[in-house]
Amino acid sequence: MKKREIFTLSAFAFSMGIVLGFLISPAKNGFGNNSGNNIKNYYYSKPSKDDES
């Protein structure tokens, strides 16, 4: 095999590995920001019986 054929075959195998890796990966719905910085407002929730004391 010539160097050009080896380079073409290795580049094809590498790119197909990337494509198949994205198809098989568990991140099918995109990547999200799950850092835990959530805002939770309890303005409209009823107070519990423990809060009445």
C-alpha atoms as a PDB file:
ATOM      1  CA  MET A   1       0.000   0.000   0.000  1.00  0.00           C
ATOM      2  CA  LYS A   2       1.125   3.494  -0.731  1.00  0.00           C
ATOM      3  CA  LYS A   3       1.350   6.155   1.934  1.00  0.00           C
ATOM      4  CA  ARG A   4      -1.556   8.012   0.365  1.00  0.00           C
ATOM      5  CA  GLU A   5      -3.817   4.940   0.599  1.00  0.00           C
ATOM      6  CA  ILE A   6      -2.837   4.339   4.211  1.00  0.00           C
ATOM      7  CA  PHE A   7      -3.547   7.964   5.103  1.00  0.00           C
ATOM      8  CA  THR A   8      -6.932   7.911   3.329  1.00  0.00           C
ATOM      9  CA  LEU A   9      -7.952   4.638   4.974  1.00  0.00           C
ATOM     10  CA  SER A  10      -6.905   5.808   8.450  1.00  0.00           C
ATOM     11  CA  ALA A  11      -8.706   9.157   8.042  1.00  0.00           C
ATOM     12  CA  PHE A  12     -11.850   7.338   6.883  1.00  0.00           C
ATOM     13  CA  ALA A  13     -11.705   4.905   9.816  1.00  0.00           C
ATOM     14  CA  PHE A  14     -11.176   7.762  12.287  1.00  0.00           C
ATOM     15  CA  SER A  15     -14.097   9.802  10.944  1.00  0.00           C
ATOM     16  CA  MET A  16     -16.401   6.771  10.884  1.00  0.00           C
ATOM     17  CA  GLY A  17     -15.430   6.059  14.494  1.00  0.00           C
ATOM     18  CA  ILE A  18     -16.439   9.581  15.483  1.00  0.00           C
ATOM     19  CA  VAL A  19     -19.766   9.324  13.637  1.00  0.00           C
ATOM     20  CA  LEU A  20     -20.586   5.911  15.115  1.00  0.00           C
ATOM     21  CA  GLY A  21     -19.532   7.135  18.561  1.00  0.00           C
ATOM     22  CA  PHE A  22     -22.035   9.993  18.388  1.00  0.00           C
ATOM     23  CA  LEU A  23     -24.785   7.662  17.212  1.00  0.00           C
ATOM     24  CA  ILE A  24     -24.164   5.102  19.967  1.00  0.00           C
ATOM     25  CA  SER A  25     -23.483   7.607  22.765  1.00  0.00           C
ATOM     26  CA  PRO A  26     -26.033   8.122  25.561  1.00  0.00           C
ATOM     27  CA  ALA A  27     -26.263  11.878  24.937  1.00  0.00           C
ATOM     28  CA  LYS A  28     -28.970  11.642  22.285  1.00  0.00           C
ATOM     29  CA  ASN A  29     -30.972  14.694  23.446  1.00  0.00           C
ATOM     30  CA  GLY A  30     -28.046  17.083  23.421  1.00  0.00           C
ATOM     31  CA  PHE A  31     -25.835  18.344  26.164  1.00  0.00           C
ATOM     32  CA  GLY A  32     -27.322  20.283  29.060  1.00  0.00           C
ATOM     33  CA  ASN A  33     -26.096  22.360  31.913  1.00  0.00           C
ATOM     34  CA  ASN A  34     -26.704  20.248  35.013  1.00  0.00           C
ATOM     35  CA  SER A  35     -24.678  22.310  37.457  1.00  0.00           C
ATOM     36  CA  GLY A  36     -27.436  22.454  40.073  1.00  0.00           C
ATOM     37  CA  ASN A  37     -27.990  26.207  39.940  1.00  0.00           C
ATOM     38  CA  ASN A  38     -31.753  26.083  40.201  1.00  0.00           C
ATOM     39  CA  ILE A  39     -34.134  28.736  41.450  1.00  0.00           C
ATOM     40  CA  LYS A  40     -37.043  27.307  43.402  1.00  0.00           C
ATOM     41  CA  ASN A  41     -39.728  29.715  44.492  1.00  0.00           C
ATOM     42  CA  TYR A  42     -42.340  28.526  46.955  1.00  0.00           C
ATOM     43  CA  TYR A  43     -44.540  31.607  46.900  1.00  0.00           C
ATOM     44  CA  TYR A  44     -47.707  29.783  45.948  1.00  0.00           C
ATOM     45  CA  SER A  45     -47.218  26.582  47.906  1.00  0.00           C
ATOM     46  CA  LYS A  46     -49.160  25.918  51.080  1.00  0.00           C
ATOM     47  CA  PRO A  47     -47.087  25.897  54.253  1.00  0.00           C
ATOM     48  CA  SER A  48     -46.646  22.563  55.937  1.00  0.00           C
ATOM     49  CA  LYS A  49     -47.912  21.883  59.455  1.00  0.00           C
ATOM     50  CA  ASP A  50     -44.365  21.997  60.783  1.00  0.00           C
ATOM     51  CA  ASP A  51     -44.016  25.648  59.664  1.00  0.00           C
ATOM     52  CA  GLU A  52     -46.964  26.863  61.783  1.00  0.00           C
ATOM     53  CA  SER A  53     -45.109  26.720  65.083  1.00  0.00           C
END
